[in-house]
Amino acid sequence: MAYYPDNESSGSTIRVGWLDKKVPFSSGMVDSTFLQRLQKLYRDRTNQTRGYHLCPFCTKPEFGTPVNIEGEEIKLGSAEIHVRDANGQTFIAPDLLYHYILVHGYCPPIEFIEAVCSNG
């Protein structure tokens, strides 16, 4: 998977969560409201690929990183999530984002967190 810095613009979109093992990322706690709202975005994953990207931080990454979202096990690493903020900007993140947050302590930019929380 390609690396892009958080909040990098690409045309009309803003990239978040395109992490790489060689580049430090922001870490910290996120609140449960954000996680609940983020889970809902996983119903509408998009840009599905035919293969899986492996988590660069896991010592034994799995093809199709399994995660339980809203009571359903889904496999991450092959799609994107999109969310619009109040200003009409669209954030694009790899679906591994949820795994990065839960397992590796990644903390997305506040602008992304606010966009997710306002889409509930």
Protein backbone atom coordinates (compact mmCIF):
# COMPACT_ATOMS: atom_id res chain seq x y z
CA MET A 1 0.00 0.00 0.00
CA ALA A 2 1.25 3.47 -0.76
CA TYR A 3 2.21 5.90 1.99
CA TYR A 4 0.71 9.39 2.10
CA PRO A 5 1.06 11.92 4.91
CA ASP A 6 -2.10 12.60 6.91
CA ASN A 7 -4.22 15.46 5.58
CA GLU A 8 -2.51 15.40 2.19
CA SER A 9 -4.83 16.74 -0.50
CA SER A 10 -5.29 14.85 -3.71
CA GLY A 11 -7.59 16.84 -5.93
CA SER A 12 -10.88 17.12 -4.07
CA THR A 13 -9.99 14.54 -1.41
CA ILE A 14 -7.88 14.42 1.73
CA ARG A 15 -5.89 11.31 2.63
CA VAL A 16 -5.81 9.93 6.17
CA GLY A 17 -4.32 6.73 7.56
CA TRP A 18 -2.07 5.70 4.66
CA LEU A 19 0.67 4.58 7.04
CA ASP A 20 4.09 3.04 6.52
CA LYS A 21 6.35 1.22 8.96
CA LYS A 22 9.27 3.54 8.15
CA VAL A 23 7.38 6.75 8.98
CA PRO A 24 6.28 7.67 12.53
CA PHE A 25 2.56 8.32 13.01
CA SER A 26 0.51 10.13 15.63
CA SER A 27 -0.72 7.91 18.42
CA GLY A 28 -3.16 8.30 21.25
CA MET A 29 -6.60 7.41 22.50
CA VAL A 30 -9.80 7.99 20.56
CA ASP A 31 -13.22 8.04 22.18
CA SER A 32 -15.90 5.41 21.88
CA THR A 33 -18.31 7.69 19.98
CA PHE A 34 -15.74 8.10 17.22
CA LEU A 35 -15.15 4.32 17.05
CA GLN A 36 -18.89 3.59 16.89
CA ARG A 37 -19.42 6.11 14.09
CA LEU A 38 -16.34 4.87 12.25
CA GLN A 39 -17.70 1.31 12.34
CA LYS A 40 -20.84 2.45 10.51
CA LEU A 41 -18.72 3.70 7.62
CA TYR A 42 -17.48 0.15 7.06
CA ARG A 43 -20.89 -0.83 5.67
CA ASP A 44 -20.10 1.29 2.61
CA ARG A 45 -16.47 0.45 1.90
CA THR A 46 -15.48 1.31 -1.64
CA ASN A 47 -12.73 0.82 -4.23
CA GLN A 48 -12.50 -2.87 -3.37
CA THR A 49 -9.38 -4.50 -4.77
CA ARG A 50 -8.86 -8.12 -5.80
CA GLY A 51 -6.14 -8.74 -3.22
CA TYR A 52 -5.18 -7.69 0.29
CA HIS A 53 -2.61 -5.28 1.67
CA LEU A 54 -0.87 -6.58 4.76
CA CYS A 55 -0.58 -4.56 7.94
CA PRO A 56 2.99 -3.23 7.96
CA PHE A 57 3.10 -3.15 11.78
CA CYS A 58 2.02 -6.70 12.65
CA THR A 59 4.81 -9.24 13.13
CA LYS A 60 2.66 -11.96 11.53
CA PRO A 61 0.21 -10.09 9.29
CA GLU A 62 -2.75 -11.94 7.84
CA PHE A 63 -4.14 -11.65 4.35
CA GLY A 64 -7.44 -10.03 5.05
CA THR A 65 -6.85 -8.74 8.59
CA PRO A 66 -9.95 -9.93 10.49
CA VAL A 67 -11.88 -7.52 12.70
CA ASN A 68 -15.30 -7.61 14.33
CA ILE A 69 -17.39 -4.61 13.33
CA GLU A 70 -20.98 -4.36 14.56
CA GLY A 71 -21.06 -8.07 15.34
CA GLU A 72 -19.79 -9.18 11.94
CA GLU A 73 -16.29 -10.37 11.12
CA ILE A 74 -14.93 -8.64 8.07
CA LYS A 75 -11.52 -8.78 6.46
CA LEU A 76 -9.58 -5.56 6.09
CA GLY A 77 -6.85 -4.56 3.68
CA SER A 78 -8.64 -4.39 0.34
CA ALA A 79 -10.87 -1.31 0.31
CA GLU A 80 -11.28 2.32 1.33
CA ILE A 81 -13.67 4.26 3.50
CA HIS A 82 -14.82 7.75 2.52
CA VAL A 83 -16.35 10.41 4.76
CA ARG A 84 -17.44 13.97 4.00
CA ASP A 85 -17.07 16.80 6.47
CA ALA A 86 -19.41 19.76 7.02
CA ASN A 87 -17.48 21.79 4.42
CA GLY A 88 -17.99 19.14 1.73
CA GLN A 89 -14.42 17.85 1.78
CA THR A 90 -14.03 14.09 1.39
CA PHE A 91 -11.55 12.14 3.48
CA ILE A 92 -10.26 8.85 2.06
CA ALA A 93 -8.69 6.20 4.27
CA PRO A 94 -7.66 2.57 3.78
CA ASP A 95 -10.01 0.17 5.53
CA LEU A 96 -7.03 -0.99 7.63
CA LEU A 97 -7.53 2.29 9.51
CA TYR A 98 -9.76 0.62 12.11
CA HIS A 99 -7.10 -2.02 12.76
CA TYR A 100 -4.39 0.65 12.99
CA ILE A 101 -6.42 2.48 15.65
CA LEU A 102 -7.39 -0.55 17.75
CA VAL A 103 -4.20 -2.58 17.57
CA HIS A 104 -1.41 -0.09 16.89
CA GLY A 105 -2.65 3.04 18.68
CA TYR A 106 -2.92 5.27 15.61
CA CYS A 107 -4.77 8.53 16.23
CA PRO A 108 -6.16 10.14 13.07
CA PRO A 109 -6.15 13.94 12.62
CA ILE A 110 -8.84 15.84 14.51
CA GLU A 111 -10.42 17.01 11.23
CA PHE A 112 -11.08 13.39 10.26
CA ILE A 113 -12.38 12.50 13.73
CA GLU A 114 -14.78 15.46 13.61
CA ALA A 115 -15.98 14.48 10.11
CA VAL A 116 -16.67 10.91 11.24
CA CYS A 117 -18.47 12.05 14.40
CA SER A 118 -20.68 14.47 12.46
CA ASN A 119 -21.78 11.66 10.11
CA GLY A 120 -23.71 9.67 12.65
